C-alpha atoms as a PDB file:
ATOM      1  CA  MET A   1     -46.338  43.548 -59.237  1.00  0.00           C
ATOM      2  CA  PHE A   2     -44.271  45.598 -61.660  1.00  0.00           C
ATOM      3  CA  CYS A   3     -44.673  46.490 -65.335  1.00  0.00           C
ATOM      4  CA  SER A   4     -42.260  44.414 -67.439  1.00  0.00           C
ATOM      5  CA  GLN A   5     -41.787  47.359 -69.825  1.00  0.00           C
ATOM      6  CA  CYS A   6     -40.987  50.340 -67.591  1.00  0.00           C
ATOM      7  CA  GLY A   7     -40.684  48.922 -64.041  1.00  0.00           C
ATOM      8  CA  ASN A   8     -43.608  50.911 -62.624  1.00  0.00           C
ATOM      9  CA  GLN A   9     -45.160  49.371 -59.487  1.00  0.00           C
ATOM     10  CA  LEU A  10     -48.767  48.348 -60.090  1.00  0.00           C
ATOM     11  CA  ASP A  11     -51.777  46.963 -58.290  1.00  0.00           C
ATOM     12  CA  SER A  12     -52.106  43.202 -58.654  1.00  0.00           C
ATOM     13  CA  GLN A  13     -55.420  43.673 -60.496  1.00  0.00           C
ATOM     14  CA  SER A  14     -54.061  46.143 -63.063  1.00  0.00           C
ATOM     15  CA  ILE A  15     -54.682  45.453 -66.740  1.00  0.00           C
ATOM     16  CA  PHE A  16     -52.755  48.434 -68.140  1.00  0.00           C
ATOM     17  CA  CYS A  17     -49.639  50.130 -66.772  1.00  0.00           C
ATOM     18  CA  THR A  18     -50.518  53.594 -65.469  1.00  0.00           C
ATOM     19  CA  GLN A  19     -47.032  54.843 -66.386  1.00  0.00           C
ATOM     20  CA  CYS A  20     -46.436  53.656 -69.980  1.00  0.00           C
ATOM     21  CA  GLY A  21     -49.846  52.303 -71.050  1.00  0.00           C
ATOM     22  CA  TYR A  22     -48.752  48.746 -71.851  1.00  0.00           C
ATOM     23  CA  ARG A  23     -51.321  45.971 -71.468  1.00  0.00           C
ATOM     24  CA  LEU A  24     -50.313  43.374 -68.886  1.00  0.00           C
ATOM     25  CA  THR A  25     -50.954  39.656 -68.648  1.00  0.00           C
ATOM     26  CA  THR A  26     -51.048  37.550 -65.504  1.00  0.00           C
ATOM     27  CA  ASN A  27     -47.530  36.264 -66.118  1.00  0.00           C
ATOM     28  CA  GLN A  28     -46.233  39.798 -66.788  1.00  0.00           C
ATOM     29  CA  GLN A  29     -45.408  39.183 -70.437  1.00  0.00           C
ATOM     30  CA  GLN A  30     -45.543  42.288 -72.584  1.00  0.00           C
ATOM     31  CA  VAL A  31     -48.161  42.366 -75.366  1.00  0.00           C
ATOM     32  CA  GLN A  32     -48.826  44.904 -78.114  1.00  0.00           C
ATOM     33  CA  PRO A  33     -50.146  48.172 -76.588  1.00  0.00           C
ATOM     34  CA  PRO A  34     -53.291  49.925 -77.835  1.00  0.00           C
ATOM     35  CA  LYS A  35     -52.553  52.453 -80.582  1.00  0.00           C
ATOM     36  CA  GLN A  36     -53.797  55.373 -78.484  1.00  0.00           C
ATOM     37  CA  SER A  37     -51.075  54.702 -75.863  1.00  0.00           C
ATOM     38  CA  TYR A  38     -48.210  55.202 -78.341  1.00  0.00           C
ATOM     39  CA  ALA A  39     -47.369  58.680 -77.041  1.00  0.00           C
ATOM     40  CA  ALA A  40     -46.980  57.285 -73.523  1.00  0.00           C
ATOM     41  CA  GLN A  41     -44.347  54.729 -74.496  1.00  0.00           C
ATOM     42  CA  PRO A  42     -40.839  55.203 -73.054  1.00  0.00           C
ATOM     43  CA  GLN A  43     -38.702  57.626 -75.048  1.00  0.00           C
ATOM     44  CA  GLU A  44     -35.612  56.138 -76.672  1.00  0.00           C
ATOM     45  CA  ASN A  45     -34.047  59.298 -78.113  1.00  0.00           C
ATOM     46  CA  VAL A  46     -30.739  60.096 -76.414  1.00  0.00           C
ATOM     47  CA  VAL A  47     -30.512  63.573 -74.879  1.00  0.00           C
ATOM     48  CA  TRP A  48     -26.953  63.501 -73.567  1.00  0.00           C
ATOM     49  CA  VAL A  49     -24.076  61.086 -73.010  1.00  0.00           C
ATOM     50  CA  PHE A  50     -22.028  62.017 -69.949  1.00  0.00           C
ATOM     51  CA  ALA A  51     -18.636  60.430 -69.155  1.00  0.00           C
ATOM     52  CA  THR A  52     -18.163  59.764 -65.439  1.00  0.00           C
ATOM     53  CA  GLN A  53     -16.503  57.484 -62.902  1.00  0.00           C
ATOM     54  CA  ARG A  54     -18.877  55.386 -60.764  1.00  0.00           C
ATOM     55  CA  LYS A  55     -17.784  55.400 -57.140  1.00  0.00           C
ATOM     56  CA  ILE A  56     -18.066  51.816 -55.911  1.00  0.00           C
ATOM     57  CA  SER A  57     -16.103  52.335 -52.691  1.00  0.00           C
ATOM     58  CA  MET A  58     -13.539  54.731 -51.259  1.00  0.00           C
ATOM     59  CA  PHE A  59     -10.744  53.191 -53.330  1.00  0.00           C
ATOM     60  CA  LYS A  60     -12.645  51.637 -56.251  1.00  0.00           C
ATOM     61  CA  MET A  61     -13.929  53.542 -59.303  1.00  0.00           C
ATOM     62  CA  ILE A  62     -15.165  52.299 -62.659  1.00  0.00           C
ATOM     63  CA  PRO A  63     -15.603  54.352 -65.869  1.00  0.00           C
ATOM     64  CA  CYS A  64     -19.260  54.787 -66.755  1.00  0.00           C
ATOM     65  CA  ASN A  65     -21.054  56.598 -69.567  1.00  0.00           C
ATOM     66  CA  ILE A  66     -24.456  57.821 -68.409  1.00  0.00           C
ATOM     67  CA  VAL A  67     -26.833  57.805 -71.377  1.00  0.00           C
ATOM     68  CA  PHE A  68     -29.621  60.259 -70.537  1.00  0.00           C
ATOM     69  CA  MET A  69     -32.898  59.589 -72.337  1.00  0.00           C
ATOM     70  CA  GLN A  70     -36.286  61.230 -71.847  1.00  0.00           C
ATOM     71  CA  ASP A  71     -37.447  58.877 -69.100  1.00  0.00           C
ATOM     72  CA  ARG A  72     -34.356  56.985 -67.966  1.00  0.00           C
ATOM     73  CA  ALA A  73     -30.599  57.066 -67.528  1.00  0.00           C
ATOM     74  CA  VAL A  74     -28.804  53.994 -68.841  1.00  0.00           C
ATOM     75  CA  LEU A  75     -25.525  53.283 -67.040  1.00  0.00           C
ATOM     76  CA  ALA A  76     -22.996  51.878 -69.515  1.00  0.00           C
ATOM     77  CA  TYR A  77     -19.930  50.669 -67.639  1.00  0.00           C
ATOM     78  CA  LEU A  78     -16.511  50.360 -69.249  1.00  0.00           C
ATOM     79  CA  THR A  79     -15.401  47.270 -67.350  1.00  0.00           C
ATOM     80  CA  PRO A  80     -11.829  45.955 -67.655  1.00  0.00           C
ATOM     81  CA  GLU A  81     -13.186  43.038 -69.699  1.00  0.00           C
ATOM     82  CA  LEU A  82     -14.999  45.316 -72.138  1.00  0.00           C
ATOM     83  CA  GLN A  83     -12.023  47.654 -72.428  1.00  0.00           C
ATOM     84  CA  LYS A  84      -9.739  44.712 -73.188  1.00  0.00           C
ATOM     85  CA  ALA A  85     -12.138  43.395 -75.839  1.00  0.00           C
ATOM     86  CA  GLU A  86     -12.466  46.815 -77.488  1.00  0.00           C
ATOM     87  CA  CYS A  87      -8.686  47.303 -77.559  1.00  0.00           C
ATOM     88  CA  ALA A  88      -8.243  43.867 -79.131  1.00  0.00           C
ATOM     89  CA  LYS A  89     -10.786  44.704 -81.827  1.00  0.00           C
ATOM     90  CA  VAL A  90      -9.129  48.019 -82.717  1.00  0.00           C
ATOM     91  CA  SER A  91      -5.659  46.440 -82.611  1.00  0.00           C
ATOM     92  CA  GLN A  92      -6.806  43.806 -85.098  1.00  0.00           C
ATOM     93  CA  ASP A  93      -8.135  46.525 -87.417  1.00  0.00           C
ATOM     94  CA  ILE A  94      -4.825  48.378 -87.151  1.00  0.00           C
ATOM     95  CA  LYS A  95      -2.932  45.196 -87.987  1.00  0.00           C
ATOM     96  CA  THR A  96      -5.229  44.423 -90.924  1.00  0.00           C
ATOM     97  CA  ASP A  97      -4.736  47.931 -92.314  1.00  0.00           C
ATOM     98  CA  GLY A  98      -0.964  47.552 -91.984  1.00  0.00           C
ATOM     99  CA  LEU A  99      -0.508  50.715 -89.930  1.00  0.00           C
ATOM    100  CA  GLY A 100       2.771  51.371 -88.184  1.00  0.00           C
ATOM    101  CA  PHE A 101       3.315  52.137 -84.509  1.00  0.00           C
ATOM    102  CA  PHE A 102       2.687  55.896 -84.640  1.00  0.00           C
ATOM    103  CA  LYS A 103      -0.324  55.782 -86.951  1.00  0.00           C
ATOM    104  CA  GLY A 104      -1.703  52.830 -85.037  1.00  0.00           C
ATOM    105  CA  SER A 105      -1.319  54.667 -81.746  1.00  0.00           C
ATOM    106  CA  ALA A 106      -3.120  57.675 -83.199  1.00  0.00           C
ATOM    107  CA  VAL A 107      -6.007  55.476 -84.341  1.00  0.00           C
ATOM    108  CA  MET A 108      -6.285  53.892 -80.886  1.00  0.00           C
ATOM    109  CA  MET A 109      -6.232  57.281 -79.128  1.00  0.00           C
ATOM    110  CA  ARG A 110      -8.895  58.676 -81.482  1.00  0.00           C
ATOM    111  CA  TYR A 111     -11.059  55.607 -80.946  1.00  0.00           C
ATOM    112  CA  TRP A 112     -11.143  56.066 -77.182  1.00  0.00           C
ATOM    113  CA  ALA A 113     -11.551  59.843 -77.454  1.00  0.00           C
ATOM    114  CA  GLU A 114     -14.736  59.307 -79.464  1.00  0.00           C
ATOM    115  CA  TYR A 115     -15.864  56.078 -77.791  1.00  0.00           C
ATOM    116  CA  ASN A 116     -18.853  57.444 -75.878  1.00  0.00           C
ATOM    117  CA  ASN A 117     -20.350  59.032 -79.027  1.00  0.00           C
ATOM    118  CA  LYS A 118     -21.549  55.601 -80.139  1.00  0.00           C
ATOM    119  CA  TYR A 119     -24.255  55.655 -77.462  1.00  0.00           C
ATOM    120  CA  TYR A 120     -26.134  58.452 -79.240  1.00  0.00           C
ATOM    121  CA  ALA A 121     -27.178  55.879 -81.840  1.00  0.00           C
ATOM    122  CA  MET A 122     -27.923  52.972 -79.461  1.00  0.00           C
ATOM    123  CA  ARG A 123     -31.198  51.865 -77.907  1.00  0.00           C
ATOM    124  CA  THR A 124     -31.578  50.771 -74.302  1.00  0.00           C
ATOM    125  CA  ASP A 125     -31.703  47.042 -75.069  1.00  0.00           C
ATOM    126  CA  ALA A 126     -28.466  47.264 -77.081  1.00  0.00           C
ATOM    127  CA  ILE A 127     -26.677  49.136 -74.288  1.00  0.00           C
ATOM    128  CA  LEU A 128     -27.861  46.668 -71.645  1.00  0.00           C
ATOM    129  CA  ALA A 129     -26.707  43.758 -73.820  1.00  0.00           C
ATOM    130  CA  GLU A 130     -23.212  45.240 -74.095  1.00  0.00           C
ATOM    131  CA  ASP A 131     -22.291  44.251 -70.527  1.00  0.00           C
ATOM    132  CA  PRO A 132     -24.238  42.434 -67.791  1.00  0.00           C
ATOM    133  CA  SER A 133     -23.446  45.187 -65.272  1.00  0.00           C
ATOM    134  CA  ASN A 134     -25.220  47.866 -67.333  1.00  0.00           C
ATOM    135  CA  VAL A 135     -28.572  49.008 -65.900  1.00  0.00           C
ATOM    136  CA  ALA A 136     -31.416  51.393 -66.708  1.00  0.00           C
ATOM    137  CA  LEU A 137     -32.378  53.842 -63.969  1.00  0.00           C
ATOM    138  CA  TYR A 138     -35.883  55.239 -64.513  1.00  0.00           C
ATOM    139  CA  TYR A 139     -36.464  58.848 -63.473  1.00  0.00           C
ATOM    140  CA  GLN A 140     -39.693  57.923 -61.698  1.00  0.00           C
ATOM    141  CA  ASN A 141     -37.543  56.005 -59.203  1.00  0.00           C
ATOM    142  CA  ILE A 142     -35.147  58.918 -58.631  1.00  0.00           C
ATOM    143  CA  THR A 143     -36.011  61.190 -55.714  1.00  0.00           C
ATOM    144  CA  GLU A 144     -33.135  63.690 -56.013  1.00  0.00           C
ATOM    145  CA  VAL A 145     -30.271  64.526 -58.371  1.00  0.00           C
ATOM    146  CA  LEU A 146     -27.220  66.397 -57.081  1.00  0.00           C
ATOM    147  CA  PHE A 147     -24.847  67.948 -59.602  1.00  0.00           C
ATOM    148  CA  LYS A 148     -21.718  69.851 -58.660  1.00  0.00           C
ATOM    149  CA  GLY A 149     -19.392  71.184 -61.345  1.00  0.00           C
ATOM    150  CA  PHE A 150     -15.646  70.743 -61.539  1.00  0.00           C
ATOM    151  CA  SER A 151     -13.613  73.601 -60.070  1.00  0.00           C
ATOM    152  CA  GLU A 152      -9.964  74.470 -60.642  1.00  0.00           C
ATOM    153  CA  THR A 153      -7.489  77.083 -59.455  1.00  0.00           C
ATOM    154  CA  VAL A 154      -4.821  77.966 -61.999  1.00  0.00           C
ATOM    155  CA  SER A 155      -1.299  78.312 -60.649  1.00  0.00           C
ATOM    156  CA  THR A 156       0.786  81.403 -61.301  1.00  0.00           C
ATOM    157  CA  ASP A 157       4.531  81.763 -60.817  1.00  0.00           C
ATOM    158  CA  ASP A 158       5.452  79.496 -57.912  1.00  0.00           C
ATOM    159  CA  SER A 159       1.953  79.021 -56.508  1.00  0.00           C
ATOM    160  CA  THR A 160       0.356  75.579 -56.425  1.00  0.00           C
ATOM    161  CA  SER A 161      -2.744  74.872 -58.489  1.00  0.00           C
ATOM    162  CA  SER A 162      -5.657  72.965 -56.965  1.00  0.00           C
ATOM    163  CA  ALA A 163      -8.567  71.080 -58.479  1.00  0.00           C
ATOM    164  CA  THR A 164     -11.761  69.449 -57.222  1.00  0.00           C
ATOM    165  CA  GLN A 165     -13.653  66.652 -58.892  1.00  0.00           C
ATOM    166  CA  GLY A 166     -17.238  67.309 -59.857  1.00  0.00           C
ATOM    167  CA  LYS A 167     -20.029  65.163 -58.398  1.00  0.00           C
ATOM    168  CA  LEU A 168     -23.228  63.626 -59.713  1.00  0.00           C
ATOM    169  CA  HIS A 169     -25.411  61.719 -57.255  1.00  0.00           C
ATOM    170  CA  PHE A 170     -28.727  59.949 -57.856  1.00  0.00           C
ATOM    171  CA  SER A 171     -30.852  59.336 -54.765  1.00  0.00           C
ATOM    172  CA  VAL A 172     -33.299  56.560 -55.581  1.00  0.00           C
ATOM    173  CA  THR A 173     -36.403  55.067 -54.003  1.00  0.00           C
ATOM    174  CA  GLY A 174     -35.413  52.889 -51.069  1.00  0.00           C
ATOM    175  CA  GLY A 175     -32.696  55.202 -49.783  1.00  0.00           C
ATOM    176  CA  GLU A 176     -29.743  54.210 -51.991  1.00  0.00           C
ATOM    177  CA  THR A 177     -27.502  56.902 -53.470  1.00  0.00           C
ATOM    178  CA  VAL A 178     -25.646  56.129 -56.705  1.00  0.00           C
ATOM    179  CA  LYS A 179     -22.486  58.266 -56.771  1.00  0.00           C
ATOM    180  CA  PHE A 180     -20.346  59.425 -59.700  1.00  0.00           C
ATOM    181  CA  THR A 181     -17.442  61.819 -60.152  1.00  0.00           C
ATOM    182  CA  HIS A 182     -16.658  63.772 -63.309  1.00  0.00           C
ATOM    183  CA  SER A 183     -14.395  66.495 -64.691  1.00  0.00           C
ATOM    184  CA  MET A 184     -16.941  68.778 -66.376  1.00  0.00           C
ATOM    185  CA  SER A 185     -17.104  72.397 -65.330  1.00  0.00           C
ATOM    186  CA  SER A 186     -20.388  73.961 -64.361  1.00  0.00           C
ATOM    187  CA  GLY A 187     -22.232  75.596 -67.219  1.00  0.00           C
ATOM    188  CA  ARG A 188     -25.608  76.902 -68.331  1.00  0.00           C
ATOM    189  CA  GLU A 189     -26.119  74.174 -70.922  1.00  0.00           C
ATOM    190  CA  VAL A 190     -25.496  71.404 -68.393  1.00  0.00           C
ATOM    191  CA  LYS A 191     -27.859  72.958 -65.875  1.00  0.00           C
ATOM    192  CA  GLU A 192     -30.621  73.496 -68.444  1.00  0.00           C
ATOM    193  CA  THR A 193     -30.326  69.922 -69.734  1.00  0.00           C
ATOM    194  CA  LEU A 194     -30.559  68.383 -66.269  1.00  0.00           C
ATOM    195  CA  ALA A 195     -33.374  70.743 -65.262  1.00  0.00           C
ATOM    196  CA  LYS A 196     -35.455  69.668 -68.265  1.00  0.00           C
ATOM    197  CA  LEU A 197     -34.989  66.023 -67.353  1.00  0.00           C
ATOM    198  CA  PHE A 198     -35.423  66.195 -63.575  1.00  0.00           C
ATOM    199  CA  GLY A 199     -37.211  69.466 -62.787  1.00  0.00           C
ATOM    200  CA  ALA A 200     -37.528  70.135 -59.060  1.00  0.00           C
ATOM    201  CA  LYS A 201     -35.586  66.964 -58.249  1.00  0.00           C
ATOM    202  CA  LEU A 202     -32.371  68.668 -59.388  1.00  0.00           C
ATOM    203  CA  LYS A 203     -30.055  70.233 -56.805  1.00  0.00           C
ATOM    204  CA  TYR A 204     -27.462  72.150 -58.792  1.00  0.00           C
ATOM    205  CA  LYS A 205     -24.530  73.449 -56.777  1.00  0.00           C
ATOM    206  CA  TRP A 206     -21.641  75.621 -57.828  1.00  0.00           C
END
């Protein structure tokens, strides 16, 4: 059986989860944990929000904000339906405020430029409720993390510039690899952040 709080696999006779300390019942309903297990509860503070594109197939990509927490990465997809709903909401606000075309366009552009910042103040349950495709990926179920930074060659005179998309892959228990692309260059801060979260599981290439 599995813990209903953190997803950890348990023995069928377990009373407490060995991962997060929650007391279990026979029907897997979560009950109040003992006070001494508080420090072992899953961490909700957001470490980093990373904008990526989830690679579904060779020709299909979907925008995805990866919300890195202390013990999990929550995948928040920007589906066409969600994007349409968000645009409609902002458009209504623009109309209500009586803004013209240029000011309205500026408001819309600023909204999307800052969109992913909202996840720094959201908990896992709120992110998962935002769209049914959103999922939480617990680090205990990740076997390897591959990060490769974005590289670019600047053109000079008549030469042609070239660019390569960065990669972020999560290899998870069971053999599946969840693949993302991004446009962030390699850097010390990125490497240190991922190393703190994943330790020896991280394969950082540049």
